[in-house]
């Protein structure tokens, strides 16, 4: 039952997964060149102090561009993919009136929700890995050293952030019976959580915080706090999704 459900979810979302995967690879491949050109032009003009500071801290165009992408661009796209892919996972079953069949199956409700979540979580992980590989190729083309540690750390936190938002999307889908409403509720909840965390210097479920100090080194304490908060949101959201789905068994 579990294997069949996983196969069903994969087949139904295969086109979306393919489009999202290709989109991330294209954007990852193109944007670093665009931003690198913009930064180089700003440095040549000699009027951009921020660009000069950035280059001195990161020591290369590639290091700055790749870090910026993994810390800022990638979390946004992963969260968008989580929203588009996950909004209909639970609410869509109610729209199609297929939950009664799932309730009568031998598989526990928690396992059913977990499989649905796992399919999308694995997809997001594959997308993140592919994006990191493209950045490594970009560094090789630019003939500059690939900033492995900063990019891996920021990409990892981007992925955990996407897991957190995916759990928020699942929780929203468990409380409503329409995919559009689930997406709207998830967005509202995501921005609300981000607004609460922002005064503490955290941006879980929305953006990855700046994890490099002015000297270009990783702020491991901040990275650990960011990842812990995101994981906490992910676990809480998934638990809410399972709990609410169980509670709505008779509806």
C-alpha atoms as a PDB file:
ATOM      1  CA  UNK A   1       0.000   0.000   0.000  1.00  0.00           C
ATOM      2  CA  UNK A   2       2.727   2.451   0.987  1.00  0.00           C
ATOM      3  CA  UNK A   3       4.792   1.669  -2.101  1.00  0.00           C
ATOM      4  CA  UNK A   4       1.755   2.018  -4.348  1.00  0.00           C
ATOM      5  CA  UNK A   5       0.866   5.351  -2.761  1.00  0.00           C
ATOM      6  CA  UNK A   6       4.410   6.645  -3.246  1.00  0.00           C
ATOM      7  CA  UNK A   7       4.353   5.567  -6.888  1.00  0.00           C
ATOM      8  CA  UNK A   8       0.960   7.253  -7.373  1.00  0.00           C
ATOM      9  CA  UNK A   9       2.161  10.543  -5.908  1.00  0.00           C
ATOM     10  CA  UNK A  10       5.304  10.438  -8.032  1.00  0.00           C
ATOM     11  CA  UNK A  11       3.429   9.706 -11.262  1.00  0.00           C
ATOM     12  CA  UNK A  12       0.832  12.413 -10.624  1.00  0.00           C
ATOM     13  CA  UNK A  13       3.483  15.049  -9.938  1.00  0.00           C
ATOM     14  CA  UNK A  14       6.118  13.862 -12.366  1.00  0.00           C
ATOM     15  CA  UNK A  15       5.485  16.703 -14.881  1.00  0.00           C
ATOM     16  CA  UNK A  16       5.650  19.324 -12.112  1.00  0.00           C
ATOM     17  CA  UNK A  17       8.813  17.774 -10.704  1.00  0.00           C
ATOM     18  CA  UNK A  18      10.473  17.731 -14.114  1.00  0.00           C
ATOM     19  CA  UNK A  19       9.561  21.361 -14.835  1.00  0.00           C
ATOM     20  CA  UNK A  20      10.709  22.517 -11.396  1.00  0.00           C
ATOM     21  CA  UNK A  21      13.966  20.583 -11.702  1.00  0.00           C
ATOM     22  CA  UNK A  22      14.784  22.045 -15.121  1.00  0.00           C
ATOM     23  CA  UNK A  23      13.777  25.553 -14.009  1.00  0.00           C
ATOM     24  CA  UNK A  24      16.139  25.495 -11.034  1.00  0.00           C
ATOM     25  CA  UNK A  25      19.021  24.197 -13.141  1.00  0.00           C
ATOM     26  CA  UNK A  26      18.517  26.882 -15.788  1.00  0.00           C
ATOM     27  CA  UNK A  27      18.242  29.695 -13.252  1.00  0.00           C
ATOM     28  CA  UNK A  28      21.245  28.394 -11.308  1.00  0.00           C
ATOM     29  CA  UNK A  29      23.291  28.244 -14.491  1.00  0.00           C
ATOM     30  CA  UNK A  30      22.329  31.679 -15.836  1.00  0.00           C
ATOM     31  CA  UNK A  31      22.045  34.015 -12.857  1.00  0.00           C
ATOM     32  CA  UNK A  32      25.607  33.639 -11.524  1.00  0.00           C
ATOM     33  CA  UNK A  33      26.979  34.893 -14.855  1.00  0.00           C
ATOM     34  CA  UNK A  34      24.577  37.824 -14.852  1.00  0.00           C
ATOM     35  CA  UNK A  35      25.381  38.848 -11.285  1.00  0.00           C
ATOM     36  CA  UNK A  36      29.098  38.337 -11.826  1.00  0.00           C
ATOM     37  CA  UNK A  37      28.977  40.703 -14.795  1.00  0.00           C
ATOM     38  CA  UNK A  38      27.041  43.282 -12.757  1.00  0.00           C
ATOM     39  CA  UNK A  39      29.527  43.078  -9.884  1.00  0.00           C
ATOM     40  CA  UNK A  40      32.527  43.342 -12.203  1.00  0.00           C
ATOM     41  CA  UNK A  41      30.995  46.356 -13.929  1.00  0.00           C
ATOM     42  CA  UNK A  42      30.367  48.053 -10.574  1.00  0.00           C
ATOM     43  CA  UNK A  43      33.986  47.473  -9.572  1.00  0.00           C
ATOM     44  CA  UNK A  44      35.272  48.886 -12.859  1.00  0.00           C
ATOM     45  CA  UNK A  45      33.265  52.057 -12.297  1.00  0.00           C
ATOM     46  CA  UNK A  46      34.991  52.492  -8.948  1.00  0.00           C
ATOM     47  CA  UNK A  47      31.909  54.054  -7.396  1.00  0.00           C
ATOM     48  CA  UNK A  48      30.408  51.064  -5.630  1.00  0.00           C
ATOM     49  CA  UNK A  49      31.941  50.662  -2.168  1.00  0.00           C
ATOM     50  CA  UNK A  50      29.659  47.734  -1.376  1.00  0.00           C
ATOM     51  CA  UNK A  51      30.904  45.797  -4.400  1.00  0.00           C
ATOM     52  CA  UNK A  52      34.506  46.452  -3.389  1.00  0.00           C
ATOM     53  CA  UNK A  53      33.821  45.265   0.153  1.00  0.00           C
ATOM     54  CA  UNK A  54      32.096  42.153  -1.143  1.00  0.00           C
ATOM     55  CA  UNK A  55      34.979  41.248  -3.419  1.00  0.00           C
ATOM     56  CA  UNK A  56      37.525  41.763  -0.642  1.00  0.00           C
ATOM     57  CA  UNK A  57      35.554  39.563   1.788  1.00  0.00           C
ATOM     58  CA  UNK A  58      34.820  36.754  -0.649  1.00  0.00           C
ATOM     59  CA  UNK A  59      38.055  37.067  -2.658  1.00  0.00           C
ATOM     60  CA  UNK A  60      36.413  36.117  -5.961  1.00  0.00           C
ATOM     61  CA  UNK A  61      33.338  36.777  -8.050  1.00  0.00           C
ATOM     62  CA  UNK A  62      32.390  33.106  -8.009  1.00  0.00           C
ATOM     63  CA  UNK A  63      32.526  32.848  -4.222  1.00  0.00           C
ATOM     64  CA  UNK A  64      30.220  35.822  -3.774  1.00  0.00           C
ATOM     65  CA  UNK A  65      27.770  34.879  -6.520  1.00  0.00           C
ATOM     66  CA  UNK A  66      27.516  31.230  -5.545  1.00  0.00           C
ATOM     67  CA  UNK A  67      27.060  32.060  -1.880  1.00  0.00           C
ATOM     68  CA  UNK A  68      24.421  34.670  -2.668  1.00  0.00           C
ATOM     69  CA  UNK A  69      22.516  32.210  -4.842  1.00  0.00           C
ATOM     70  CA  UNK A  70      22.550  29.360  -2.310  1.00  0.00           C
ATOM     71  CA  UNK A  71      21.711  31.686   0.607  1.00  0.00           C
ATOM     72  CA  UNK A  72      19.042  33.850  -1.032  1.00  0.00           C
ATOM     73  CA  UNK A  73      17.856  32.665  -4.432  1.00  0.00           C
ATOM     74  CA  UNK A  74      17.661  28.936  -3.781  1.00  0.00           C
ATOM     75  CA  UNK A  75      15.499  29.139  -0.597  1.00  0.00           C
ATOM     76  CA  UNK A  76      12.922  31.248  -2.432  1.00  0.00           C
ATOM     77  CA  UNK A  77      12.639  28.810  -5.324  1.00  0.00           C
ATOM     78  CA  UNK A  78      12.551  25.732  -3.075  1.00  0.00           C
ATOM     79  CA  UNK A  79       9.766  27.245  -0.978  1.00  0.00           C
ATOM     80  CA  UNK A  80       7.841  28.100  -4.145  1.00  0.00           C
ATOM     81  CA  UNK A  81       8.207  24.517  -5.373  1.00  0.00           C
ATOM     82  CA  UNK A  82       7.086  23.240  -1.953  1.00  0.00           C
ATOM     83  CA  UNK A  83       3.991  25.432  -2.156  1.00  0.00           C
ATOM     84  CA  UNK A  84       3.056  24.435  -5.698  1.00  0.00           C
ATOM     85  CA  UNK A  85       3.748  20.752  -5.160  1.00  0.00           C
ATOM     86  CA  UNK A  86       2.376  20.379  -1.639  1.00  0.00           C
ATOM     87  CA  UNK A  87      -0.778  22.496  -1.596  1.00  0.00           C
ATOM     88  CA  UNK A  88      -2.859  19.763  -3.192  1.00  0.00           C
ATOM     89  CA  UNK A  89      -1.337  16.773  -1.410  1.00  0.00           C
ATOM     90  CA  UNK A  90      -3.938  16.658   1.362  1.00  0.00           C
ATOM     91  CA  UNK A  91      -6.550  19.212   0.328  1.00  0.00           C
ATOM     92  CA  UNK A  92      -6.578  17.730  -3.168  1.00  0.00           C
ATOM     93  CA  UNK A  93      -7.588  14.344  -1.797  1.00  0.00           C
ATOM     94  CA  UNK A  94     -10.655  15.970  -0.226  1.00  0.00           C
ATOM     95  CA  UNK A  95     -11.449  17.802  -3.446  1.00  0.00           C
ATOM     96  CA  UNK A  96     -11.343  14.482  -5.288  1.00  0.00           C
ATOM     97  CA  UNK A  97     -13.255  12.796  -2.425  1.00  0.00           C
ATOM     98  CA  UNK A  98     -10.647  10.035  -2.201  1.00  0.00           C
ATOM     99  CA  UNK A  99      -9.872  10.311   1.518  1.00  0.00           C
ATOM    100  CA  UNK A 100     -12.517   7.704   2.478  1.00  0.00           C
ATOM    101  CA  UNK A 101     -10.581   5.148   0.434  1.00  0.00           C
ATOM    102  CA  UNK A 102      -7.349   6.063   2.180  1.00  0.00           C
ATOM    103  CA  UNK A 103      -9.001   5.916   5.601  1.00  0.00           C
ATOM    104  CA  UNK A 104     -10.192   2.370   4.881  1.00  0.00           C
ATOM    105  CA  UNK A 105      -6.735   1.209   3.801  1.00  0.00           C
ATOM    106  CA  UNK A 106      -4.506  -0.871   6.028  1.00  0.00           C
ATOM    107  CA  UNK A 107      -1.840   1.830   6.195  1.00  0.00           C
ATOM    108  CA  UNK A 108      -1.873   4.188   9.214  1.00  0.00           C
ATOM    109  CA  UNK A 109      -2.820   7.799   8.522  1.00  0.00           C
ATOM    110  CA  UNK A 110       0.571   8.963   9.727  1.00  0.00           C
ATOM    111  CA  UNK A 111       2.289   6.711   7.195  1.00  0.00           C
ATOM    112  CA  UNK A 112       0.076   7.994   4.381  1.00  0.00           C
ATOM    113  CA  UNK A 113       0.836  11.635   5.191  1.00  0.00           C
ATOM    114  CA  UNK A 114       4.508  10.763   5.688  1.00  0.00           C
ATOM    115  CA  UNK A 115       4.773   9.121   2.263  1.00  0.00           C
ATOM    116  CA  UNK A 116       3.172  12.127   0.591  1.00  0.00           C
ATOM    117  CA  UNK A 117       5.573  14.415   2.419  1.00  0.00           C
ATOM    118  CA  UNK A 118       8.552  12.183   1.699  1.00  0.00           C
ATOM    119  CA  UNK A 119       7.990  12.203  -2.068  1.00  0.00           C
ATOM    120  CA  UNK A 120       8.188  15.998  -2.197  1.00  0.00           C
ATOM    121  CA  UNK A 121      10.987  16.214   0.376  1.00  0.00           C
ATOM    122  CA  UNK A 122      13.131  13.828  -1.692  1.00  0.00           C
ATOM    123  CA  UNK A 123      12.411  15.864  -4.812  1.00  0.00           C
ATOM    124  CA  UNK A 124      13.470  19.091  -3.079  1.00  0.00           C
ATOM    125  CA  UNK A 125      16.671  17.388  -1.889  1.00  0.00           C
ATOM    126  CA  UNK A 126      17.493  16.252  -5.429  1.00  0.00           C
ATOM    127  CA  UNK A 127      16.852  19.756  -6.771  1.00  0.00           C
ATOM    128  CA  UNK A 128      19.157  21.240  -4.111  1.00  0.00           C
ATOM    129  CA  UNK A 129      21.924  18.756  -4.903  1.00  0.00           C
ATOM    130  CA  UNK A 130      21.617  19.418  -8.626  1.00  0.00           C
ATOM    131  CA  UNK A 131      21.778  23.182  -8.040  1.00  0.00           C
ATOM    132  CA  UNK A 132      24.950  22.768  -5.972  1.00  0.00           C
ATOM    133  CA  UNK A 133      26.550  20.675  -8.719  1.00  0.00           C
ATOM    134  CA  UNK A 134      25.718  23.358 -11.283  1.00  0.00           C
ATOM    135  CA  UNK A 135      27.391  25.947  -9.055  1.00  0.00           C
ATOM    136  CA  UNK A 136      30.488  23.752  -8.867  1.00  0.00           C
ATOM    137  CA  UNK A 137      30.543  23.539 -12.668  1.00  0.00           C
ATOM    138  CA  UNK A 138      30.136  27.314 -12.853  1.00  0.00           C
ATOM    139  CA  UNK A 139      33.140  27.749 -10.572  1.00  0.00           C
ATOM    140  CA  UNK A 140      35.171  25.457 -12.821  1.00  0.00           C
ATOM    141  CA  UNK A 141      34.166  27.406 -15.943  1.00  0.00           C
ATOM    142  CA  UNK A 142      35.072  30.670 -14.235  1.00  0.00           C
ATOM    143  CA  UNK A 143      38.396  29.049 -13.308  1.00  0.00           C
ATOM    144  CA  UNK A 144      37.973  30.081  -9.709  1.00  0.00           C
ATOM    145  CA  UNK A 145      37.951  27.932  -6.594  1.00  0.00           C
ATOM    146  CA  UNK A 146      34.513  26.679  -5.582  1.00  0.00           C
ATOM    147  CA  UNK A 147      33.570  27.958  -2.075  1.00  0.00           C
ATOM    148  CA  UNK A 148      32.529  24.476  -0.955  1.00  0.00           C
ATOM    149  CA  UNK A 149      31.891  25.012   2.761  1.00  0.00           C
ATOM    150  CA  UNK A 150      29.787  28.212   2.531  1.00  0.00           C
ATOM    151  CA  UNK A 151      27.723  26.896  -0.379  1.00  0.00           C
ATOM    152  CA  UNK A 152      27.109  23.500   1.255  1.00  0.00           C
ATOM    153  CA  UNK A 153      26.067  25.134   4.530  1.00  0.00           C
ATOM    154  CA  UNK A 154      23.749  27.667   2.935  1.00  0.00           C
ATOM    155  CA  UNK A 155      22.315  25.100   0.510  1.00  0.00           C
ATOM    156  CA  UNK A 156      21.669  22.726   3.417  1.00  0.00           C
ATOM    157  CA  UNK A 157      19.859  25.411   5.380  1.00  0.00           C
ATOM    158  CA  UNK A 158      17.913  26.360   2.247  1.00  0.00           C
ATOM    159  CA  UNK A 159      16.765  22.734   2.012  1.00  0.00           C
ATOM    160  CA  UNK A 160      15.792  22.527   5.698  1.00  0.00           C
ATOM    161  CA  UNK A 161      13.951  25.831   5.273  1.00  0.00           C
ATOM    162  CA  UNK A 162      12.046  24.311   2.349  1.00  0.00           C
ATOM    163  CA  UNK A 163      11.180  21.282   4.507  1.00  0.00           C
ATOM    164  CA  UNK A 164       9.822  23.668   7.152  1.00  0.00           C
ATOM    165  CA  UNK A 165       7.643  25.499   4.662  1.00  0.00           C
ATOM    166  CA  UNK A 166       6.527  22.199   3.104  1.00  0.00           C
ATOM    167  CA  UNK A 167       5.294  21.148   6.556  1.00  0.00           C
ATOM    168  CA  UNK A 168       3.418  24.443   6.850  1.00  0.00           C
ATOM    169  CA  UNK A 169       1.829  23.735   3.463  1.00  0.00           C
ATOM    170  CA  UNK A 170       0.828  20.227   4.580  1.00  0.00           C
ATOM    171  CA  UNK A 171      -0.654  21.536   7.822  1.00  0.00           C
ATOM    172  CA  UNK A 172      -2.660  24.104   5.889  1.00  0.00           C
ATOM    173  CA  UNK A 173      -3.883  21.429   3.482  1.00  0.00           C
ATOM    174  CA  UNK A 174      -5.085  19.295   6.390  1.00  0.00           C
ATOM    175  CA  UNK A 175      -7.302  22.088   7.730  1.00  0.00           C
ATOM    176  CA  UNK A 176      -9.049  23.038   4.488  1.00  0.00           C
ATOM    177  CA  UNK A 177     -10.669  21.163   1.627  1.00  0.00           C
ATOM    178  CA  UNK A 178      -9.532  23.239  -1.355  1.00  0.00           C
ATOM    179  CA  UNK A 179      -6.078  23.416  -2.870  1.00  0.00           C
ATOM    180  CA  UNK A 180      -6.301  27.165  -3.471  1.00  0.00           C
ATOM    181  CA  UNK A 181      -7.309  27.772   0.144  1.00  0.00           C
ATOM    182  CA  UNK A 182      -4.458  25.560   1.335  1.00  0.00           C
ATOM    183  CA  UNK A 183      -1.962  27.594  -0.691  1.00  0.00           C
ATOM    184  CA  UNK A 184      -3.347  30.900   0.602  1.00  0.00           C
ATOM    185  CA  UNK A 185      -3.358  29.684   4.207  1.00  0.00           C
ATOM    186  CA  UNK A 186       0.198  28.345   3.891  1.00  0.00           C
ATOM    187  CA  UNK A 187       1.439  31.654   2.502  1.00  0.00           C
ATOM    188  CA  UNK A 188      -0.237  33.578   5.304  1.00  0.00           C
ATOM    189  CA  UNK A 189       1.185  31.224   7.931  1.00  0.00           C
ATOM    190  CA  UNK A 190       4.657  31.278   6.344  1.00  0.00           C
ATOM    191  CA  UNK A 191       4.848  35.054   6.262  1.00  0.00           C
ATOM    192  CA  UNK A 192       3.441  35.195   9.791  1.00  0.00           C
ATOM    193  CA  UNK A 193       6.118  32.846  11.122  1.00  0.00           C
ATOM    194  CA  UNK A 194       8.820  34.754   9.244  1.00  0.00           C
ATOM    195  CA  UNK A 195       7.527  38.004  10.744  1.00  0.00           C
ATOM    196  CA  UNK A 196       7.748  36.576  14.255  1.00  0.00           C
ATOM    197  CA  UNK A 197      11.300  35.280  13.690  1.00  0.00           C
ATOM    198  CA  UNK A 198      12.607  38.366  11.900  1.00  0.00           C
ATOM    199  CA  UNK A 199      13.262  40.444  15.072  1.00  0.00           C
ATOM    200  CA  UNK A 200      15.512  37.611  16.290  1.00  0.00           C
ATOM    201  CA  UNK A 201      17.588  37.705  13.109  1.00  0.00           C
ATOM    202  CA  UNK A 202      16.033  34.517  11.746  1.00  0.00           C
ATOM    203  CA  UNK A 203      14.090  34.016   8.545  1.00  0.00           C
ATOM    204  CA  UNK A 204      13.053  30.356   8.629  1.00  0.00           C
ATOM    205  CA  UNK A 205      10.405  29.305   6.063  1.00  0.00           C
ATOM    206  CA  UNK A 206      11.098  32.418   3.980  1.00  0.00           C
ATOM    207  CA  UNK A 207      14.782  33.277   3.547  1.00  0.00           C
ATOM    208  CA  UNK A 208      18.098  31.994   4.724  1.00  0.00           C
ATOM    209  CA  UNK A 209      19.842  34.429   7.054  1.00  0.00           C
ATOM    210  CA  UNK A 210      23.241  35.911   6.275  1.00  0.00           C
ATOM    211  CA  UNK A 211      25.531  33.203   7.598  1.00  0.00           C
ATOM    212  CA  UNK A 212      28.887  34.716   6.666  1.00  0.00           C
ATOM    213  CA  UNK A 213      30.624  37.277   8.811  1.00  0.00           C
ATOM    214  CA  UNK A 214      32.338  40.378   7.461  1.00  0.00           C
ATOM    215  CA  UNK A 215      35.515  38.325   7.112  1.00  0.00           C
ATOM    216  CA  UNK A 216      33.769  35.805   4.860  1.00  0.00           C
ATOM    217  CA  UNK A 217      33.805  33.023   7.456  1.00  0.00           C
ATOM    218  CA  UNK A 218      30.779  30.918   8.346  1.00  0.00           C
ATOM    219  CA  UNK A 219      28.867  31.896  11.468  1.00  0.00           C
ATOM    220  CA  UNK A 220      28.347  28.340  12.732  1.00  0.00           C
ATOM    221  CA  UNK A 221      26.274  29.387  15.741  1.00  0.00           C
ATOM    222  CA  UNK A 222      23.810  31.288  13.598  1.00  0.00           C
ATOM    223  CA  UNK A 223      23.730  28.467  11.056  1.00  0.00           C
ATOM    224  CA  UNK A 224      22.956  25.962  13.823  1.00  0.00           C
ATOM    225  CA  UNK A 225      20.181  28.109  15.266  1.00  0.00           C
ATOM    226  CA  UNK A 226      18.695  28.674  11.816  1.00  0.00           C
ATOM    227  CA  UNK A 227      18.688  24.945  11.037  1.00  0.00           C
ATOM    228  CA  UNK A 228      17.275  24.022  14.462  1.00  0.00           C
ATOM    229  CA  UNK A 229      14.406  26.492  14.181  1.00  0.00           C
ATOM    230  CA  UNK A 230      13.578  25.305  10.665  1.00  0.00           C
ATOM    231  CA  UNK A 231      13.613  21.646  11.753  1.00  0.00           C
ATOM    232  CA  UNK A 232      11.368  22.499  14.698  1.00  0.00           C
ATOM    233  CA  UNK A 233       8.861  24.125  12.359  1.00  0.00           C
ATOM    234  CA  UNK A 234       9.080  21.159   9.992  1.00  0.00           C
ATOM    235  CA  UNK A 235       8.346  18.608  12.723  1.00  0.00           C
ATOM    236  CA  UNK A 236       5.551  20.706  14.245  1.00  0.00           C
ATOM    237  CA  UNK A 237       3.880  21.346  10.907  1.00  0.00           C
ATOM    238  CA  UNK A 238       4.001  17.693   9.905  1.00  0.00           C
ATOM    239  CA  UNK A 239       2.593  16.652  13.288  1.00  0.00           C
ATOM    240  CA  UNK A 240      -0.279  19.136  12.858  1.00  0.00           C
ATOM    241  CA  UNK A 241      -0.977  17.730   9.396  1.00  0.00           C
ATOM    242  CA  UNK A 242      -1.201  14.155  10.721  1.00  0.00           C
ATOM    243  CA  UNK A 243      -3.229  15.162  13.794  1.00  0.00           C
ATOM    244  CA  UNK A 244      -5.773  17.166  11.803  1.00  0.00           C
ATOM    245  CA  UNK A 245      -6.069  14.454   9.150  1.00  0.00           C
ATOM    246  CA  UNK A 246      -6.835  11.890  11.864  1.00  0.00           C
ATOM    247  CA  UNK A 247      -9.365  14.241  13.475  1.00  0.00           C
ATOM    248  CA  UNK A 248     -11.192  14.677  10.151  1.00  0.00           C
ATOM    249  CA  UNK A 249     -11.618  10.950   9.613  1.00  0.00           C
ATOM    250  CA  UNK A 250     -15.372  11.184  10.060  1.00  0.00           C
ATOM    251  CA  UNK A 251     -15.865  14.289   7.909  1.00  0.00           C
END
